[in-house]
Amino acid sequence: MKKKLVLLIFIGIHFSALAQNGYLLSGARSTALGSASVSLSDEWGVIHNQAGLGFVRHASTGFYYKNSFLIKELGARNAILTLPIKTGTLGAAFTNFGYSAYSENKLNLSFAKAFSNSFSMGIAFDYLFTHIAEGNTNFKTLVGEVGILTKLRKNLTLGAHLYNPTRSKTGKNSTERIPTIMQLGLCYQAAEQLMLLVETEKDMGRQPVFKAGIEYQVLSHFFLRTGISSQPFLTSYGVGFQRHQLKIDIGGNYHQTLGFTTQIGFSYSFSKNQETVREHP
């Protein structure tokens, strides 16, 4: 039991982009695009870059499930909620990674505000809770996030995000710190049906990560996606379906040593006037 637990923690933390002490990427659309999502503006901005919520004009909810390397113990579940108010947009998300012997949980509360049609800022506060059954060990901490989204040109958007700027520790009596992660990315709307994304990510204790993704609208309600990312090298793929208020996304990636990771997500908007084309702000 103990050996299995150690192996799963090692794989989950060091090889998956899923579990980095609370930095839990989410959304099947993001996964399919090589996780190059810091410059996107949709309901999943509550996780990727809270500034993207500033351009979300409708209440929505969503859910996803991610199965890393087809190992059930490395599964992750996420639920989100966005709510526009007079002064901006509120967001909330809950993420759970792991299983009964080891789990990471994150409760996220976000707020974003668009100061113009081309600039938005967002912040988030995360409560992280890690449970290890062996010894009944628990770690709790608070982490902050901040992000911006700005339209450089009509078809070009820049996104930037900083996770854990205060370098919070994993627990009250711990000397280990939560990773501080910086992201910078561009979204280029090459045509009405074609979107290109590039992004770089830097953890202060690791090599930079490069990401790139392509989304192509094949039919009026159907999208094809692909992407790549480094450190480790992953190839990504996925499809999306959007019909009125409902979005269904399927995505996955492939690690040369550990194999496939798959993900499916659903989101529903409470607005009756949804655009089919998913554009950046």
Protein backbone atom coordinates (compact mmCIF):
# COMPACT_ATOMS: atom_id res chain seq x y z
CA MET A 1 0.00 0.00 0.00
CA LYS A 2 2.77 2.42 0.98
CA LYS A 3 4.80 1.70 -2.17
CA LYS A 4 1.75 2.24 -4.35
CA LEU A 5 1.01 5.54 -2.63
CA VAL A 6 4.59 6.79 -3.09
CA LEU A 7 4.56 5.78 -6.78
CA LEU A 8 1.26 7.51 -7.48
CA ILE A 9 2.31 10.72 -5.74
CA PHE A 10 5.60 10.72 -7.66
CA ILE A 11 3.88 10.26 -11.02
CA GLY A 12 1.11 12.72 -10.25
CA ILE A 13 3.34 15.54 -9.05
CA HIS A 14 6.44 15.21 -11.22
CA PHE A 15 5.05 14.09 -14.58
CA SER A 16 1.52 15.43 -14.77
CA ALA A 17 0.68 19.08 -15.39
CA LEU A 18 -2.31 18.35 -13.19
CA ALA A 19 -1.03 18.49 -9.63
CA GLN A 20 1.54 21.04 -8.57
CA ASN A 21 0.56 21.88 -4.99
CA GLY A 22 -2.74 23.45 -5.93
CA TYR A 23 -1.85 24.60 -9.44
CA LEU A 24 -4.46 22.40 -11.09
CA LEU A 25 -5.01 23.14 -14.77
CA SER A 26 -8.54 22.46 -15.94
CA GLY A 27 -10.78 22.32 -18.95
CA ALA A 28 -10.80 19.89 -21.85
CA ARG A 29 -10.50 22.77 -24.30
CA SER A 30 -7.29 23.91 -22.62
CA THR A 31 -5.87 20.39 -22.53
CA ALA A 32 -6.51 19.94 -26.27
CA LEU A 33 -4.69 23.23 -26.97
CA GLY A 34 -1.53 22.14 -25.19
CA SER A 35 -2.71 24.02 -22.06
CA ALA A 36 -2.04 27.33 -23.88
CA SER A 37 -5.02 29.05 -22.30
CA VAL A 38 -3.76 32.13 -20.41
CA SER A 39 -4.92 34.43 -23.25
CA LEU A 40 -8.43 32.94 -23.59
CA SER A 41 -11.60 34.53 -22.28
CA ASP A 42 -14.34 32.07 -21.30
CA GLU A 43 -15.93 30.61 -18.18
CA TRP A 44 -12.84 28.47 -17.50
CA GLY A 45 -10.87 31.66 -16.90
CA VAL A 46 -11.79 31.16 -13.26
CA ILE A 47 -8.91 28.64 -13.33
CA HIS A 48 -6.64 29.63 -16.26
CA ASN A 49 -6.51 33.41 -15.92
CA GLN A 50 -9.12 35.23 -13.86
CA ALA A 51 -8.79 38.36 -16.03
CA GLY A 52 -10.63 36.47 -18.77
CA LEU A 53 -13.76 36.52 -16.62
CA GLY A 54 -13.93 40.30 -17.04
CA PHE A 55 -15.28 39.80 -20.57
CA VAL A 56 -17.75 37.04 -19.59
CA ARG A 57 -21.22 38.64 -19.71
CA HIS A 58 -23.35 35.67 -18.68
CA ALA A 59 -23.77 33.37 -15.70
CA SER A 60 -22.53 29.86 -16.37
CA THR A 61 -21.61 26.59 -14.74
CA GLY A 62 -19.31 23.77 -15.77
CA PHE A 63 -17.82 20.43 -14.82
CA TYR A 64 -14.90 18.34 -16.04
CA TYR A 65 -13.23 15.02 -15.32
CA LYS A 66 -9.59 14.29 -16.14
CA ASN A 67 -7.98 10.85 -16.07
CA SER A 68 -4.18 11.13 -16.08
CA PHE A 69 -2.37 8.25 -17.80
CA LEU A 70 -5.57 6.18 -17.54
CA ILE A 71 -4.88 5.58 -13.82
CA LYS A 72 -8.05 6.10 -11.78
CA GLU A 73 -6.10 7.18 -8.70
CA LEU A 74 -4.76 10.14 -10.71
CA GLY A 75 -8.22 11.38 -11.63
CA ALA A 76 -9.28 15.00 -11.14
CA ARG A 77 -12.71 16.57 -10.91
CA ASN A 78 -13.61 20.25 -11.21
CA ALA A 79 -16.80 22.30 -10.93
CA ILE A 80 -17.05 26.02 -11.74
CA LEU A 81 -19.58 28.84 -11.48
CA THR A 82 -19.43 32.37 -12.94
CA LEU A 83 -21.77 35.24 -12.08
CA PRO A 84 -21.61 38.72 -13.66
CA ILE A 85 -22.50 41.57 -11.30
CA LYS A 86 -22.67 45.34 -11.74
CA THR A 87 -19.01 45.90 -10.86
CA GLY A 88 -17.47 42.89 -12.62
CA THR A 89 -17.67 39.09 -12.70
CA LEU A 90 -17.48 36.69 -9.77
CA GLY A 91 -16.17 33.16 -10.15
CA ALA A 92 -15.89 30.07 -7.97
CA ALA A 93 -14.34 26.67 -8.56
CA PHE A 94 -13.67 23.48 -6.63
CA THR A 95 -11.02 20.99 -7.78
CA ASN A 96 -10.25 17.55 -6.37
CA PHE A 97 -7.27 15.44 -7.44
CA GLY A 98 -6.35 11.96 -6.24
CA TYR A 99 -8.10 9.25 -4.24
CA SER A 100 -8.70 8.14 -0.65
CA ALA A 101 -5.01 7.62 0.24
CA TYR A 102 -3.80 10.92 -1.23
CA SER A 103 -5.80 13.92 -2.42
CA GLU A 104 -5.29 17.57 -3.28
CA ASN A 105 -8.26 19.95 -3.07
CA LYS A 106 -8.59 23.57 -4.07
CA LEU A 107 -11.42 26.04 -3.44
CA ASN A 108 -11.08 29.10 -5.66
CA LEU A 109 -12.92 32.44 -5.34
CA SER A 110 -12.30 34.96 -8.12
CA PHE A 111 -13.22 38.46 -9.21
CA ALA A 112 -12.51 40.17 -12.53
CA LYS A 113 -13.29 43.56 -14.00
CA ALA A 114 -13.03 44.87 -17.56
CA PHE A 115 -11.87 48.49 -17.46
CA SER A 116 -12.48 48.91 -21.19
CA ASN A 117 -13.34 46.80 -24.22
CA SER A 118 -9.67 45.84 -24.49
CA PHE A 119 -8.32 45.51 -20.92
CA SER A 120 -9.31 43.38 -17.94
CA MET A 121 -7.77 42.42 -14.60
CA GLY A 122 -8.62 39.55 -12.26
CA ILE A 123 -7.64 38.17 -8.86
CA ALA A 124 -8.30 34.94 -7.01
CA PHE A 125 -7.86 33.51 -3.54
CA ASP A 126 -7.34 29.76 -3.22
CA TYR A 127 -7.75 27.55 -0.18
CA LEU A 128 -5.58 24.43 -0.62
CA PHE A 129 -6.13 21.26 1.38
CA THR A 130 -3.95 18.16 0.97
CA HIS A 131 -4.75 14.89 2.71
CA ILE A 132 -2.42 11.88 3.10
CA ALA A 133 -4.10 8.87 4.69
CA GLU A 134 -0.78 7.43 5.90
CA GLY A 135 -0.43 9.03 9.34
CA ASN A 136 -3.62 11.04 8.77
CA THR A 137 -1.56 14.02 7.62
CA ASN A 138 -3.22 17.22 6.40
CA PHE A 139 -1.78 20.40 4.90
CA LYS A 140 -3.75 23.65 4.57
CA THR A 141 -2.74 26.99 3.11
CA LEU A 142 -3.98 30.09 1.25
CA VAL A 143 -2.63 31.18 -2.15
CA GLY A 144 -3.30 34.22 -4.32
CA GLU A 145 -3.48 34.69 -8.08
CA VAL A 146 -3.53 37.77 -10.32
CA GLY A 147 -3.90 38.16 -14.08
CA ILE A 148 -4.39 40.64 -16.92
CA LEU A 149 -5.84 40.35 -20.41
CA THR A 150 -5.36 43.06 -23.01
CA LYS A 151 -6.23 43.36 -26.68
CA LEU A 152 -3.14 44.59 -28.54
CA ARG A 153 -4.97 44.64 -31.87
CA LYS A 154 -8.42 43.67 -33.07
CA ASN A 155 -7.34 40.06 -33.61
CA LEU A 156 -4.42 39.79 -31.13
CA THR A 157 -4.76 39.34 -27.36
CA LEU A 158 -2.08 39.19 -24.68
CA GLY A 159 -2.65 37.33 -21.41
CA ALA A 160 -0.43 37.27 -18.31
CA HIS A 161 -0.96 35.43 -15.03
CA LEU A 162 0.95 35.03 -11.76
CA TYR A 163 0.20 32.19 -9.35
CA ASN A 164 1.28 32.46 -5.71
CA PRO A 165 3.06 35.85 -5.80
CA THR A 166 3.46 35.74 -1.99
CA ARG A 167 5.33 32.37 -2.13
CA SER A 168 3.04 30.73 0.40
CA LYS A 169 4.23 27.56 2.13
CA THR A 170 2.50 24.19 1.87
CA GLY A 171 1.47 24.30 5.53
CA LYS A 172 1.74 26.32 8.71
CA ASN A 173 4.78 24.42 10.02
CA SER A 174 6.29 23.53 6.65
CA THR A 175 9.43 24.91 5.03
CA GLU A 176 8.34 23.81 1.53
CA ARG A 177 6.80 26.53 -0.61
CA ILE A 178 3.96 26.33 -3.11
CA PRO A 179 5.34 26.91 -6.64
CA THR A 180 5.30 30.49 -7.90
CA ILE A 181 4.34 30.26 -11.58
CA MET A 182 4.33 32.99 -14.22
CA GLN A 183 2.54 32.68 -17.59
CA LEU A 184 2.59 34.89 -20.67
CA GLY A 185 0.71 34.10 -23.86
CA LEU A 186 -0.76 35.40 -27.12
CA CYS A 187 -4.00 34.53 -28.90
CA TYR A 188 -4.15 35.35 -32.61
CA GLN A 189 -7.47 35.13 -34.46
CA ALA A 190 -6.02 34.38 -37.90
CA ALA A 191 -9.49 34.05 -39.45
CA GLU A 192 -13.05 33.81 -38.23
CA GLN A 193 -12.73 30.03 -37.92
CA LEU A 194 -9.02 29.77 -37.02
CA MET A 195 -7.32 30.63 -33.71
CA LEU A 196 -3.61 30.27 -32.91
CA LEU A 197 -2.13 30.35 -29.40
CA VAL A 198 1.41 30.46 -28.01
CA GLU A 199 2.44 30.62 -24.38
CA THR A 200 5.39 30.32 -22.05
CA GLU A 201 5.23 29.26 -18.41
CA LYS A 202 7.97 29.62 -15.79
CA ASP A 203 8.05 27.96 -12.38
CA MET A 204 10.80 29.63 -10.33
CA GLY A 205 12.32 26.22 -9.57
CA ARG A 206 12.00 24.61 -13.03
CA GLN A 207 12.87 25.05 -16.70
CA PRO A 208 10.51 27.23 -18.79
CA VAL A 209 7.60 25.46 -20.48
CA PHE A 210 6.57 26.28 -24.05
CA LYS A 211 3.01 25.69 -25.24
CA ALA A 212 1.19 26.14 -28.54
CA GLY A 213 -2.30 25.34 -29.76
CA ILE A 214 -4.61 25.59 -32.78
CA GLU A 215 -8.40 25.68 -32.81
CA TYR A 216 -10.30 25.35 -36.10
CA GLN A 217 -14.06 25.64 -36.50
CA VAL A 218 -14.84 22.93 -39.05
CA LEU A 219 -18.63 23.25 -38.98
CA SER A 220 -21.01 25.76 -37.44
CA HIS A 221 -21.08 23.92 -34.10
CA PHE A 222 -17.97 21.72 -34.28
CA PHE A 223 -14.31 22.51 -33.43
CA LEU A 224 -11.04 20.62 -33.93
CA ARG A 225 -8.04 21.32 -31.67
CA THR A 226 -4.43 20.29 -31.34
CA GLY A 227 -1.39 21.48 -29.40
CA ILE A 228 2.03 20.74 -27.96
CA SER A 229 3.85 21.54 -24.73
CA SER A 230 7.34 20.94 -23.34
CA GLN A 231 8.85 19.88 -19.99
CA PRO A 232 7.80 17.11 -20.51
CA PHE A 233 7.00 16.99 -24.23
CA LEU A 234 3.28 16.34 -24.77
CA THR A 235 1.17 16.20 -27.91
CA SER A 236 -2.46 17.21 -27.46
CA TYR A 237 -5.72 16.80 -29.35
CA GLY A 238 -9.45 17.30 -28.92
CA VAL A 239 -12.84 18.28 -30.28
CA GLY A 240 -15.54 20.66 -29.16
CA PHE A 241 -19.26 20.98 -29.73
CA GLN A 242 -21.29 24.11 -29.00
CA ARG A 243 -25.03 24.38 -29.46
CA HIS A 244 -26.77 27.44 -28.04
CA GLN A 245 -26.05 27.44 -24.28
CA LEU A 246 -24.33 24.05 -24.07
CA LYS A 247 -20.64 23.33 -24.71
CA ILE A 248 -19.13 19.84 -24.72
CA ASP A 249 -15.37 19.45 -24.97
CA ILE A 250 -13.19 16.34 -25.20
CA GLY A 251 -9.41 16.57 -24.97
CA GLY A 252 -6.31 14.60 -24.22
CA ASN A 253 -2.56 14.44 -24.48
CA TYR A 254 0.14 11.82 -24.86
CA HIS A 255 3.32 11.37 -22.79
CA GLN A 256 5.95 9.19 -24.48
CA THR A 257 6.68 7.25 -21.28
CA LEU A 258 3.46 7.33 -19.25
CA GLY A 259 0.87 7.25 -22.03
CA PHE A 260 -2.48 8.95 -22.52
CA THR A 261 -4.37 11.48 -20.42
CA THR A 262 -8.02 12.04 -21.33
CA GLN A 263 -10.54 14.66 -20.29
CA ILE A 264 -14.18 15.55 -20.87
CA GLY A 265 -15.92 18.76 -19.87
CA PHE A 266 -19.35 20.34 -20.00
CA SER A 267 -20.41 23.94 -19.50
CA TYR A 268 -23.79 25.62 -19.67
CA SER A 269 -24.56 29.31 -20.06
CA PHE A 270 -27.71 30.84 -18.68
CA SER A 271 -27.73 33.36 -21.52
CA LYS A 272 -29.97 32.64 -24.50
CA ASN A 273 -27.84 34.65 -26.91
CA GLN A 274 -24.59 32.68 -27.18
CA GLU A 275 -22.26 33.06 -30.14
CA THR A 276 -21.15 29.87 -31.83
CA VAL A 277 -17.70 31.22 -32.74
CA ARG A 278 -15.43 31.18 -29.67
CA GLU A 279 -13.33 34.28 -29.98
CA HIS A 280 -10.83 35.95 -27.73
CA PRO A 281 -12.12 39.21 -26.17
